[in-house]
N, C-alpha and C. Protein backbone atom coordinates (compact mmCIF):
# COMPACT_ATOMS: atom_id res chain seq x y z
N UNK A 1 109.03 94.30 14.69
CA UNK A 1 108.47 94.19 16.17
C UNK A 1 107.67 92.99 16.26
N UNK A 2 107.89 92.41 17.56
CA UNK A 2 107.25 91.18 17.92
C UNK A 2 105.73 91.35 18.29
N UNK A 3 105.21 90.09 18.46
CA UNK A 3 103.52 90.62 18.77
C UNK A 3 103.61 90.48 20.38
N UNK A 4 102.29 90.94 20.77
CA UNK A 4 102.32 91.13 22.38
C UNK A 4 102.74 89.71 22.91
N UNK A 5 102.08 88.69 22.75
CA UNK A 5 102.24 87.67 23.40
C UNK A 5 103.99 87.10 23.43
N UNK A 6 104.69 87.17 22.29
CA UNK A 6 105.88 86.99 22.38
C UNK A 6 106.84 87.78 23.49
N UNK A 7 106.30 89.27 23.38
CA UNK A 7 107.09 89.99 24.03
C UNK A 7 106.92 89.88 25.61
N UNK A 8 105.68 89.44 25.93
CA UNK A 8 105.31 89.12 27.25
C UNK A 8 105.81 87.95 27.46
N UNK A 9 106.10 86.87 27.18
CA UNK A 9 106.66 85.56 26.98
C UNK A 9 108.15 85.83 27.50
N UNK A 10 108.82 86.67 26.52
CA UNK A 10 110.30 87.03 26.92
C UNK A 10 110.63 87.94 28.30
N UNK A 11 109.72 88.73 28.61
CA UNK A 11 109.83 89.29 29.94
C UNK A 11 109.52 88.18 30.93
N UNK A 12 108.57 87.65 30.81
CA UNK A 12 108.39 86.78 32.00
C UNK A 12 109.59 85.73 32.20
N UNK A 13 110.32 85.52 30.99
CA UNK A 13 111.56 84.63 31.04
C UNK A 13 112.54 85.31 31.66
N UNK A 14 112.90 86.73 31.32
CA UNK A 14 113.80 87.47 31.97
C UNK A 14 113.41 87.54 33.52
N UNK A 15 112.46 87.87 33.76
CA UNK A 15 111.93 88.06 35.28
C UNK A 15 112.13 86.80 36.03
N UNK A 16 111.89 85.80 35.63
CA UNK A 16 112.30 84.51 36.42
C UNK A 16 113.64 84.22 36.39
N UNK A 17 114.45 84.26 35.33
CA UNK A 17 115.84 84.29 35.59
C UNK A 17 116.71 85.55 36.46
N UNK A 18 115.97 86.55 36.39
CA UNK A 18 116.53 87.65 37.16
C UNK A 18 116.41 87.21 38.69
N UNK A 19 115.18 86.56 39.22
CA UNK A 19 114.79 86.40 40.39
C UNK A 19 115.93 84.86 40.97
N UNK A 20 116.27 84.33 40.06
CA UNK A 20 116.89 82.83 40.20
C UNK A 20 118.25 83.07 40.22
N UNK A 21 118.69 84.36 40.05
CA UNK A 21 120.34 84.74 39.86
C UNK A 21 120.98 83.89 38.78
N UNK A 22 120.19 83.68 37.62
CA UNK A 22 121.03 82.80 36.53
C UNK A 22 120.96 83.85 35.47
N UNK A 23 121.95 83.91 34.72
CA UNK A 23 122.07 85.07 33.78
C UNK A 23 122.05 84.52 32.32
N UNK A 24 121.33 83.23 32.03
CA UNK A 24 121.22 82.55 30.82
C UNK A 24 119.50 82.48 30.73
N UNK A 25 118.84 83.03 29.75
CA UNK A 25 117.54 82.92 29.37
C UNK A 25 117.19 82.31 28.06
N UNK A 26 116.47 81.28 27.95
CA UNK A 26 115.97 80.52 26.99
C UNK A 26 114.60 80.88 26.62
N UNK A 27 114.02 81.13 25.30
CA UNK A 27 112.77 81.35 24.86
C UNK A 27 112.96 80.96 23.28
N UNK A 28 111.65 80.33 23.05
CA UNK A 28 111.33 79.81 21.70
C UNK A 28 112.64 79.08 20.93
N UNK A 29 113.37 78.28 21.60
CA UNK A 29 114.55 77.72 21.22
C UNK A 29 115.75 78.62 21.07
N UNK A 30 115.73 79.63 21.46
CA UNK A 30 116.99 80.76 21.60
C UNK A 30 117.54 80.95 23.02
N UNK A 31 118.69 81.16 23.00
CA UNK A 31 119.35 81.24 24.30
C UNK A 31 120.13 82.69 24.34
N UNK A 32 119.93 83.49 25.32
CA UNK A 32 120.84 84.73 25.41
C UNK A 32 121.42 84.57 26.61
N UNK A 33 122.90 85.33 26.69
CA UNK A 33 123.48 85.15 28.08
C UNK A 33 123.76 86.52 28.40
N UNK A 34 123.31 86.87 29.74
CA UNK A 34 123.39 88.30 30.06
C UNK A 34 124.67 88.23 31.00
N UNK A 35 125.35 89.39 31.11
CA UNK A 35 126.74 89.57 31.66
C UNK A 35 126.17 89.86 33.33
N UNK A 36 125.34 90.49 33.49
CA UNK A 36 125.00 91.00 34.96
C UNK A 36 123.41 91.21 35.07
N UNK A 37 123.07 91.31 36.56
CA UNK A 37 121.68 91.75 36.76
C UNK A 37 121.23 92.88 36.39
N UNK A 38 122.20 93.82 36.21
CA UNK A 38 121.97 95.23 35.65
C UNK A 38 121.52 95.36 34.23
N UNK A 39 122.52 94.33 33.49
CA UNK A 39 122.06 94.15 32.07
C UNK A 39 120.55 93.38 31.72
N UNK A 40 120.39 92.60 32.61
CA UNK A 40 118.94 92.03 32.50
C UNK A 40 117.89 92.94 32.80
N UNK A 41 117.98 93.88 33.93
CA UNK A 41 117.20 94.97 34.21
C UNK A 41 116.89 95.84 33.16
N UNK A 42 117.86 96.21 32.51
CA UNK A 42 117.57 97.17 31.16
C UNK A 42 116.94 96.20 30.33
N UNK A 43 117.05 95.13 29.83
CA UNK A 43 116.69 94.41 28.96
C UNK A 43 115.03 94.27 29.38
N UNK A 44 114.77 94.01 30.46
CA UNK A 44 113.28 94.09 31.03
C UNK A 44 112.41 95.22 30.72
N UNK A 45 113.28 96.42 31.18
CA UNK A 45 112.94 98.00 30.92
C UNK A 45 112.43 98.04 29.38
N UNK A 46 113.50 97.52 28.59
CA UNK A 46 113.29 97.88 27.20
C UNK A 46 111.82 96.97 26.62
N UNK A 47 111.75 95.92 27.16
CA UNK A 47 110.52 95.05 26.80
C UNK A 47 109.11 95.67 27.33
N UNK A 48 109.50 96.29 28.44
CA UNK A 48 108.01 96.94 29.18
C UNK A 48 107.74 98.17 28.02
N UNK A 49 108.90 98.83 27.59
CA UNK A 49 108.76 100.14 26.52
C UNK A 49 108.09 99.28 25.48
N UNK A 50 108.37 98.40 24.91
CA UNK A 50 107.68 97.73 23.75
C UNK A 50 106.57 97.20 23.98
N UNK A 51 106.18 96.51 25.29
CA UNK A 51 104.87 96.03 25.33
C UNK A 51 103.99 97.40 25.50
N UNK A 52 104.29 98.35 26.25
CA UNK A 52 103.35 99.64 26.18
C UNK A 52 103.23 100.00 24.89
N UNK A 53 103.97 100.22 24.06
CA UNK A 53 103.86 100.54 22.68
C UNK A 53 102.64 99.76 21.95
N UNK A 54 103.08 98.33 21.97
CA UNK A 54 102.07 97.41 21.37
C UNK A 54 100.83 97.69 21.98
N UNK A 55 100.84 97.97 23.23
CA UNK A 55 99.42 98.28 23.80
C UNK A 55 98.57 99.40 23.41
N UNK A 56 99.49 100.39 23.06
CA UNK A 56 98.96 101.86 22.87
C UNK A 56 99.16 102.81 23.67
N UNK A 57 99.97 102.51 24.99
CA UNK A 57 100.10 103.49 26.12
C UNK A 57 101.63 103.67 26.30
N UNK A 58 101.80 104.59 27.11
CA UNK A 58 103.06 105.20 27.24
C UNK A 58 103.48 104.85 28.46
N UNK A 59 104.81 104.50 28.95
CA UNK A 59 105.36 104.48 30.35
C UNK A 59 106.07 105.90 30.76
N UNK A 60 105.36 106.60 31.78
CA UNK A 60 105.36 108.16 32.28
C UNK A 60 106.23 107.75 33.50
N UNK A 61 107.61 108.44 33.63
CA UNK A 61 108.32 108.20 34.73
C UNK A 61 108.38 109.66 35.02
N UNK A 62 107.84 109.89 36.61
CA UNK A 62 108.26 111.51 36.91
C UNK A 62 109.28 111.45 38.26
N UNK A 63 110.35 112.39 38.13
CA UNK A 63 111.10 112.67 39.21
C UNK A 63 110.77 114.07 39.72
N UNK A 64 110.55 114.02 40.94
CA UNK A 64 110.35 115.10 41.65
C UNK A 64 111.32 115.39 42.56
N UNK A 65 112.03 116.57 42.63
CA UNK A 65 112.98 117.17 43.45
C UNK A 65 112.42 118.27 44.30
N UNK A 66 112.76 118.06 45.52
CA UNK A 66 112.44 119.16 46.49
C UNK A 66 113.51 119.36 47.39
N UNK A 67 113.85 120.73 47.58
CA UNK A 67 114.91 121.13 48.42
C UNK A 67 114.29 122.30 49.37
N UNK A 68 115.30 122.17 50.56
CA UNK A 68 114.68 123.48 51.27
C UNK A 68 116.05 123.72 52.14
N UNK A 69 116.14 125.00 52.61
CA UNK A 69 117.20 125.71 53.21
C UNK A 69 117.45 125.26 54.54
N UNK A 70 116.33 124.70 55.15
CA UNK A 70 116.47 124.29 56.49
C UNK A 70 116.48 125.10 57.42
N UNK A 71 115.57 126.26 57.32
CA UNK A 71 114.99 127.45 58.07
C UNK A 71 114.01 127.19 58.93
C-alpha cells in the first residue's frame, strides 16, 4: 500500500486529467493510459477507498428506495 501523500497525488492527477478529457496520466515518472472516462472514474473511486482506509475511516454509501402505489 502506498503512503497517503502518494495516494492523494495520484488522485489529484486523475481528477485533473478527467476534467481535461485526456486519457493519459503521469505521476512520479510513470504514465498510465486509460481507455475511457468511466475507467478513470473507477480508478478515482478505488483511490478514494484506499485514502479512506489509510486515514482510518470508511466510505459509506446509502441507497434509499421509496415506492408508492399512487393512491
